[in-house]
Amino acid sequence: MKITFLGTSSGTPSKTRNVSGIAIATESKKDWILIDCGEGTQHQIQHTKLSLKKLSTICITHIHGDHCYGLPGLLASAAMSGKDTPLELVAPKPIQSFIESVIKTTDLHLGFKINFHDVTKVEKLLISNEIEIRTVALSHRVPSYAYIFEQTSFKYKLDLKKLEQKQIPRGPSWGKIQSGQDIVLASGETCLADDFLIVEETSKKIIVCGDNDDPRLLNIEASDADLVIHEATYTKEIAEKVGTGPQHSDAERVACFAQSIGLPNLVLTHFSPRYHDEIGRPGSILDIENEARLHYDGNLYLAKDFDIFGFDKNNRLILEDDND
């Protein structure tokens, strides 16, 4: 799975960061999933290789505007781009009313069907036969959710020992078996491809969280996750000054949780616009990073808009080049 950050600011956009939006592309790259759609998300997509026509699923974590105000415009643009396949929309129930109201009020005609799934009732949703989606309720001023994405993939390797024992010569026959085709030997014997293949199963588990002031709610699901993407709106110092009202997490709280469960990969996002990107000047995003690193010794990233992440062969999260 490839993860692209389309927006990493909380509340309002800044000069360098848009509000929330994250894209996950399936391994086949045939389609992709959007998690949250703050205002301007469709503009961000224009700067990536993502196609609205291939967007298969949208997951909205909660109803706050910085996570959903971009949805009507994006849907309209998807229709104008020629999208004609159904779109799965997983979201709190009010989002359905929001979209239906915009469609009616603005005389919007979509050339594709929207299949709405109430997030409170989703137990398991399979996307493109590749990714399974589940949810976990979080703690915020309004109902907020984390989305769990699990992908199981299979790789087929030739069993060289069996091929040699059967005296199947190298060449086209091996290629056919590798692609799953049965072959017929010169003797007339049929060899089933499955008998000469070794199946390797690999899986990925990614958790993308909405706004949340209690990371411990992820304790069970995150215990075997490869990656958690979580908000770190403030440092602890600023969070204490702001108070508990906004119900956001600080970097220390998230980092301590990740450390306690031995999480291998952590990406922080949803930063307050008060944190700028001018390293060396007081109040920079480096304050959040330093606080997190003090309490978490795993593989940590602070997301920036248009960052693209993947996994290496050891399941370690890596920042990729846009041309990969």
Protein backbone atom coordinates (compact mmCIF):
# COMPACT_ATOMS: atom_id res chain seq x y z
CA MET A 1 0.00 0.00 0.00
CA LYS A 2 1.12 3.53 -0.82
CA ILE A 3 0.07 6.40 1.46
CA THR A 4 -0.08 9.98 0.16
CA PHE A 5 -0.70 12.91 2.48
CA LEU A 6 -2.90 15.53 0.84
CA GLY A 7 -3.35 17.73 3.91
CA THR A 8 -1.67 17.81 7.32
CA SER A 9 -3.00 20.94 9.04
CA SER A 10 -5.75 21.05 11.67
CA GLY A 11 -8.68 23.44 11.64
CA THR A 12 -7.54 25.76 8.87
CA PRO A 13 -4.98 25.53 6.08
CA SER A 14 -1.64 27.29 6.35
CA LYS A 15 0.72 28.58 3.66
CA THR A 16 2.40 25.16 3.48
CA ARG A 17 -0.29 22.72 4.64
CA ASN A 18 -3.86 22.00 3.60
CA VAL A 19 -6.46 20.52 5.93
CA SER A 20 -6.97 16.78 6.36
CA GLY A 21 -6.80 14.31 3.50
CA ILE A 22 -4.93 11.01 3.08
CA ALA A 23 -4.90 8.68 0.07
CA ILE A 24 -4.14 4.96 0.18
CA ALA A 25 -3.47 3.25 -3.14
CA THR A 26 -4.00 -0.48 -3.43
CA GLU A 27 -1.10 -2.70 -4.42
CA SER A 28 -2.56 -3.19 -7.89
CA LYS A 29 -2.81 0.62 -8.27
CA LYS A 30 -6.13 0.11 -10.04
CA ASP A 31 -8.00 2.24 -7.54
CA TRP A 32 -7.48 4.16 -4.32
CA ILE A 33 -9.08 5.18 -1.05
CA LEU A 34 -9.45 8.69 0.37
CA ILE A 35 -9.58 9.22 4.12
CA ASP A 36 -11.10 12.61 4.97
CA CYS A 37 -11.68 15.38 2.48
CA GLY A 38 -11.06 18.84 3.88
CA GLU A 39 -11.67 21.91 1.74
CA GLY A 40 -9.20 22.07 -1.13
CA THR A 41 -8.48 18.34 -1.22
CA GLN A 42 -9.31 18.13 -4.93
CA HIS A 43 -6.77 20.89 -5.59
CA GLN A 44 -4.13 18.87 -3.74
CA ILE A 45 -4.95 15.81 -5.83
CA GLN A 46 -4.09 17.82 -8.95
CA HIS A 47 -0.46 17.82 -7.77
CA THR A 48 -0.32 14.00 -7.52
CA LYS A 49 -0.67 11.03 -9.85
CA LEU A 50 -4.04 10.14 -8.34
CA SER A 51 -7.08 10.09 -10.61
CA LEU A 52 -10.56 10.95 -9.37
CA LYS A 53 -11.92 8.55 -11.96
CA LYS A 54 -10.21 5.67 -10.12
CA LEU A 55 -11.30 6.75 -6.64
CA SER A 56 -13.21 3.76 -5.24
CA THR A 57 -13.82 4.60 -1.58
CA ILE A 58 -14.03 7.62 0.70
CA CYS A 59 -13.83 7.25 4.48
CA ILE A 60 -14.74 10.25 6.63
CA THR A 61 -13.56 10.11 10.25
CA HIS A 62 -15.95 12.72 11.67
CA ILE A 63 -18.17 15.64 10.72
CA HIS A 64 -15.89 18.59 11.50
CA GLY A 65 -15.41 20.81 8.46
CA ASP A 66 -11.65 20.47 8.13
CA HIS A 67 -12.31 16.79 7.43
CA CYS A 68 -15.31 16.97 5.09
CA TYR A 69 -15.96 20.41 3.54
CA GLY A 70 -14.14 19.40 0.37
CA LEU A 71 -16.42 16.45 -0.30
CA PRO A 72 -19.15 18.05 -2.51
CA GLY A 73 -16.68 19.69 -4.87
CA LEU A 74 -14.58 16.56 -5.15
CA LEU A 75 -17.63 14.44 -6.02
CA ALA A 76 -18.69 16.94 -8.67
CA SER A 77 -15.21 16.95 -10.19
CA ALA A 78 -15.11 13.15 -10.15
CA ALA A 79 -18.32 13.12 -12.19
CA MET A 80 -16.93 15.66 -14.65
CA SER A 81 -13.76 13.57 -15.02
CA GLY A 82 -15.88 10.71 -16.33
CA LYS A 83 -16.16 8.52 -13.27
CA ASP A 84 -19.00 6.05 -13.83
CA THR A 85 -18.26 3.27 -11.35
CA PRO A 86 -19.88 3.09 -7.89
CA LEU A 87 -18.25 4.96 -5.01
CA GLU A 88 -18.26 3.54 -1.50
CA LEU A 89 -18.71 6.29 1.11
CA VAL A 90 -18.10 5.30 4.72
CA ALA A 91 -18.97 8.10 7.12
CA PRO A 92 -21.06 9.30 10.06
CA LYS A 93 -24.76 9.40 9.14
CA PRO A 94 -24.95 13.25 8.95
CA ILE A 95 -22.53 13.18 6.01
CA GLN A 96 -25.18 11.43 3.93
CA SER A 97 -27.65 14.24 4.64
CA PHE A 98 -24.93 16.81 3.90
CA ILE A 99 -24.21 15.34 0.46
CA GLU A 100 -27.86 14.77 -0.42
CA SER A 101 -28.62 18.39 0.50
CA VAL A 102 -25.82 19.74 -1.70
CA ILE A 103 -26.92 17.53 -4.61
CA LYS A 104 -30.48 18.84 -4.33
CA THR A 105 -29.59 22.48 -3.66
CA THR A 106 -27.02 22.83 -6.44
CA ASP A 107 -28.71 20.58 -9.02
CA LEU A 108 -25.66 18.33 -9.00
CA HIS A 109 -25.83 15.32 -11.34
CA LEU A 110 -23.39 12.52 -10.59
CA GLY A 111 -22.75 9.90 -13.23
CA PHE A 112 -22.01 7.27 -10.64
CA LYS A 113 -23.78 5.67 -7.71
CA ILE A 114 -22.78 6.43 -4.11
CA ASN A 115 -23.13 3.46 -1.77
CA PHE A 116 -23.35 5.00 1.71
CA HIS A 117 -22.16 3.00 4.72
CA ASP A 118 -22.96 4.30 8.20
CA VAL A 119 -19.64 4.15 10.04
CA THR A 120 -21.37 3.02 13.24
CA LYS A 121 -22.63 -0.11 11.48
CA VAL A 122 -19.57 -1.12 9.46
CA GLU A 123 -18.10 -4.35 10.79
CA LYS A 124 -16.06 -5.31 7.76
CA LEU A 125 -15.91 -3.89 4.24
CA LEU A 126 -13.87 -5.44 1.44
CA ILE A 127 -12.49 -3.07 -1.19
CA SER A 128 -11.42 -4.38 -4.61
CA ASN A 129 -10.89 -7.84 -3.11
CA GLU A 130 -7.66 -6.46 -1.66
CA ILE A 131 -8.27 -4.30 1.39
CA GLU A 132 -10.51 -4.99 4.36
CA ILE A 133 -11.80 -1.97 6.28
CA ARG A 134 -12.89 -1.93 9.93
CA THR A 135 -13.41 0.90 12.41
CA VAL A 136 -12.68 1.85 16.02
CA ALA A 137 -14.54 4.57 17.92
CA LEU A 138 -12.32 7.35 19.27
CA SER A 139 -12.70 10.20 21.78
CA HIS A 140 -13.50 13.67 20.45
CA ARG A 141 -16.10 16.45 20.76
CA VAL A 142 -18.20 14.70 18.13
CA PRO A 143 -18.18 10.98 17.26
CA SER A 144 -14.85 10.26 15.60
CA TYR A 145 -13.40 7.05 14.21
CA ALA A 146 -10.19 5.34 13.22
CA TYR A 147 -10.15 3.28 10.04
CA ILE A 148 -8.24 0.01 9.97
CA PHE A 149 -6.99 -1.11 6.57
CA GLU A 150 -5.72 -4.67 6.23
CA GLN A 151 -4.33 -6.04 3.00
CA THR A 152 -3.36 -9.65 2.45
CA SER A 153 -1.43 -10.43 -0.71
CA PHE A 154 0.04 -13.60 -2.13
CA LYS A 155 3.25 -14.10 -4.07
CA TYR A 156 3.96 -17.27 -5.99
CA LYS A 157 7.50 -18.57 -6.32
CA LEU A 158 8.63 -21.54 -8.37
CA ASP A 159 9.52 -24.63 -6.36
CA LEU A 160 12.84 -25.26 -8.09
CA LYS A 161 13.43 -28.55 -6.31
CA LYS A 162 10.16 -30.05 -7.56
CA LEU A 163 10.70 -28.70 -11.07
CA GLU A 164 14.12 -30.32 -11.24
CA GLN A 165 12.86 -33.59 -9.75
CA LYS A 166 10.15 -33.69 -12.42
CA GLN A 167 12.78 -32.77 -15.02
CA ILE A 168 10.71 -29.90 -16.37
CA PRO A 169 13.16 -27.91 -18.50
CA ARG A 170 13.81 -24.23 -17.93
CA GLY A 171 12.14 -21.89 -20.38
CA PRO A 172 8.55 -21.24 -21.45
CA SER A 173 7.19 -24.08 -19.27
CA TRP A 174 8.53 -22.43 -16.13
CA GLY A 175 7.01 -19.13 -17.19
CA LYS A 176 3.60 -20.71 -17.70
CA ILE A 177 3.72 -22.38 -14.29
CA GLN A 178 4.79 -19.09 -12.69
CA SER A 179 1.68 -17.44 -14.17
CA GLY A 180 -0.54 -20.25 -12.86
CA GLN A 181 -0.99 -22.21 -16.09
CA ASP A 182 -0.91 -26.01 -16.15
CA ILE A 183 1.45 -27.55 -18.69
CA VAL A 184 1.57 -30.77 -20.69
CA LEU A 185 4.90 -32.59 -20.94
CA ALA A 186 6.16 -34.25 -24.11
CA SER A 187 5.10 -37.56 -22.56
CA GLY A 188 1.52 -36.34 -22.46
CA GLU A 189 1.47 -35.97 -18.69
CA THR A 190 -0.34 -32.91 -17.34
CA CYS A 191 1.48 -30.99 -14.60
CA LEU A 192 -0.65 -28.76 -12.40
CA ALA A 193 0.88 -25.35 -11.75
CA ASP A 194 -0.18 -25.40 -8.09
CA ASP A 195 2.02 -28.45 -7.52
CA PHE A 196 5.13 -26.48 -8.44
CA LEU A 197 4.46 -23.17 -6.72
CA ILE A 198 5.36 -21.96 -3.25
CA VAL A 199 2.80 -19.50 -1.88
CA GLU A 200 4.09 -16.65 0.27
CA GLU A 201 1.43 -14.71 2.16
CA THR A 202 2.15 -11.15 3.26
CA SER A 203 -0.09 -8.72 5.10
CA LYS A 204 -0.17 -5.06 6.02
CA LYS A 205 -2.23 -3.38 8.71
CA ILE A 206 -2.53 0.39 8.72
CA ILE A 207 -4.63 2.46 11.12
CA VAL A 208 -5.63 6.00 10.14
CA CYS A 209 -7.15 7.94 13.01
CA GLY A 210 -9.57 10.81 13.14
CA ASP A 211 -9.34 13.42 15.88
CA ASN A 212 -8.76 11.71 19.20
CA ASP A 213 -7.57 12.65 22.67
CA ASP A 214 -7.12 9.08 23.95
CA PRO A 215 -4.74 6.88 21.89
CA ARG A 216 -5.28 4.04 24.36
CA LEU A 217 -8.59 3.33 22.61
CA LEU A 218 -6.43 1.80 19.86
CA ASN A 219 -4.66 -0.54 22.25
CA ILE A 220 -6.09 -3.79 20.89
CA GLU A 221 -6.09 -3.03 17.16
CA ALA A 222 -2.74 -1.23 17.17
CA SER A 223 -0.93 -4.02 19.01
CA ASP A 224 -0.24 -5.84 15.73
CA ALA A 225 -0.39 -2.88 13.33
CA ASP A 226 2.43 -2.06 10.94
CA LEU A 227 1.61 1.65 11.01
CA VAL A 228 -0.54 4.09 12.94
CA ILE A 229 -1.27 7.56 11.56
CA HIS A 230 -2.42 9.78 14.42
CA GLU A 231 -3.03 13.43 15.09
CA ALA A 232 -0.54 15.41 17.20
CA THR A 233 -2.20 18.80 17.15
CA TYR A 234 -0.04 20.27 19.91
CA THR A 235 2.97 19.79 22.12
CA LYS A 236 2.11 18.91 25.70
CA GLU A 237 2.87 22.45 26.88
CA ILE A 238 0.47 24.04 24.42
CA ALA A 239 -2.17 21.36 25.00
CA GLU A 240 -2.17 22.18 28.71
CA LYS A 241 -2.60 25.89 27.95
CA VAL A 242 -5.43 25.23 25.51
CA GLY A 243 -7.21 22.91 27.93
CA THR A 244 -9.22 19.75 27.41
CA GLY A 245 -12.10 21.36 25.49
CA PRO A 246 -10.87 20.72 21.92
CA GLN A 247 -10.15 17.06 22.77
CA HIS A 248 -6.99 16.71 20.72
CA SER A 249 -3.79 14.76 21.38
CA ASP A 250 -0.34 16.15 22.00
CA ALA A 251 2.88 14.63 20.68
CA GLU A 252 3.95 13.19 24.04
CA ARG A 253 0.65 11.39 24.59
CA VAL A 254 0.73 9.69 21.19
CA ALA A 255 4.44 8.86 21.39
CA CYS A 256 4.11 7.30 24.84
CA PHE A 257 1.25 5.14 23.61
CA ALA A 258 3.18 4.01 20.54
CA GLN A 259 6.19 3.16 22.70
CA SER A 260 4.07 1.21 25.18
CA ILE A 261 2.74 -1.19 22.52
CA GLY A 262 6.00 -1.48 20.57
CA LEU A 263 4.53 0.09 17.44
CA PRO A 264 7.10 -0.20 14.61
CA ASN A 265 6.00 2.80 12.51
CA LEU A 266 4.26 6.03 13.53
CA VAL A 267 3.28 9.05 11.43
CA LEU A 268 2.04 12.20 13.12
CA THR A 269 -0.20 14.69 11.32
CA HIS A 270 -3.02 17.25 11.87
CA PHE A 271 -0.75 19.94 13.29
CA SER A 272 -2.07 23.21 14.65
CA PRO A 273 -1.38 26.09 12.22
CA ARG A 274 0.46 27.81 15.07
CA TYR A 275 3.44 25.53 14.25
CA HIS A 276 5.35 26.86 11.26
CA ASP A 277 7.91 25.07 9.09
CA GLU A 278 10.79 27.52 9.58
CA ILE A 279 13.21 25.35 11.52
CA GLY A 280 15.31 27.42 13.91
CA ARG A 281 12.59 29.94 14.69
CA PRO A 282 10.63 29.39 17.94
CA GLY A 283 7.30 27.62 17.57
CA SER A 284 8.26 25.41 14.64
CA ILE A 285 7.02 21.93 13.80
CA LEU A 286 10.33 20.72 15.20
CA ASP A 287 8.88 21.25 18.70
CA ILE A 288 6.37 18.47 18.03
CA GLU A 289 9.01 16.20 16.51
CA ASN A 290 11.46 16.65 19.39
CA GLU A 291 8.75 15.93 21.95
CA ALA A 292 7.68 12.77 20.12
CA ARG A 293 11.23 11.46 19.71
CA LEU A 294 11.84 11.93 23.42
CA HIS A 295 9.18 9.32 24.19
CA TYR A 296 9.20 7.02 21.14
CA ASP A 297 12.21 5.24 19.68
CA GLY A 298 10.45 3.56 16.76
CA ASN A 299 10.35 4.70 13.14
CA LEU A 300 8.78 8.17 13.31
CA TYR A 301 7.72 10.66 10.64
CA LEU A 302 5.94 14.00 10.81
CA ALA A 303 3.89 14.16 7.64
CA LYS A 304 4.11 17.00 5.15
CA ASP A 305 1.68 17.65 2.33
CA PHE A 306 2.45 15.43 -0.68
CA ASP A 307 4.65 13.02 1.28
CA ILE A 308 4.33 9.51 -0.18
CA PHE A 309 5.10 6.51 2.02
CA GLY A 310 5.57 2.83 1.32
CA PHE A 311 7.13 -0.15 3.07
CA ASP A 312 10.46 -1.82 2.46
CA LYS A 313 10.89 -5.61 2.48
CA ASN A 314 11.24 -5.53 6.27
CA ASN A 315 7.93 -3.69 6.73
CA ARG A 316 9.75 -0.50 7.68
CA LEU A 317 7.96 2.63 6.53
CA ILE A 318 9.96 4.66 4.03
CA LEU A 319 9.48 8.05 2.39
CA GLU A 320 9.33 7.52 -1.35
CA ASP A 321 10.12 9.65 -4.35
CA ASP A 322 7.12 10.90 -6.31
CA ASN A 323 8.51 9.14 -9.39
CA ASP A 324 8.56 5.68 -7.78
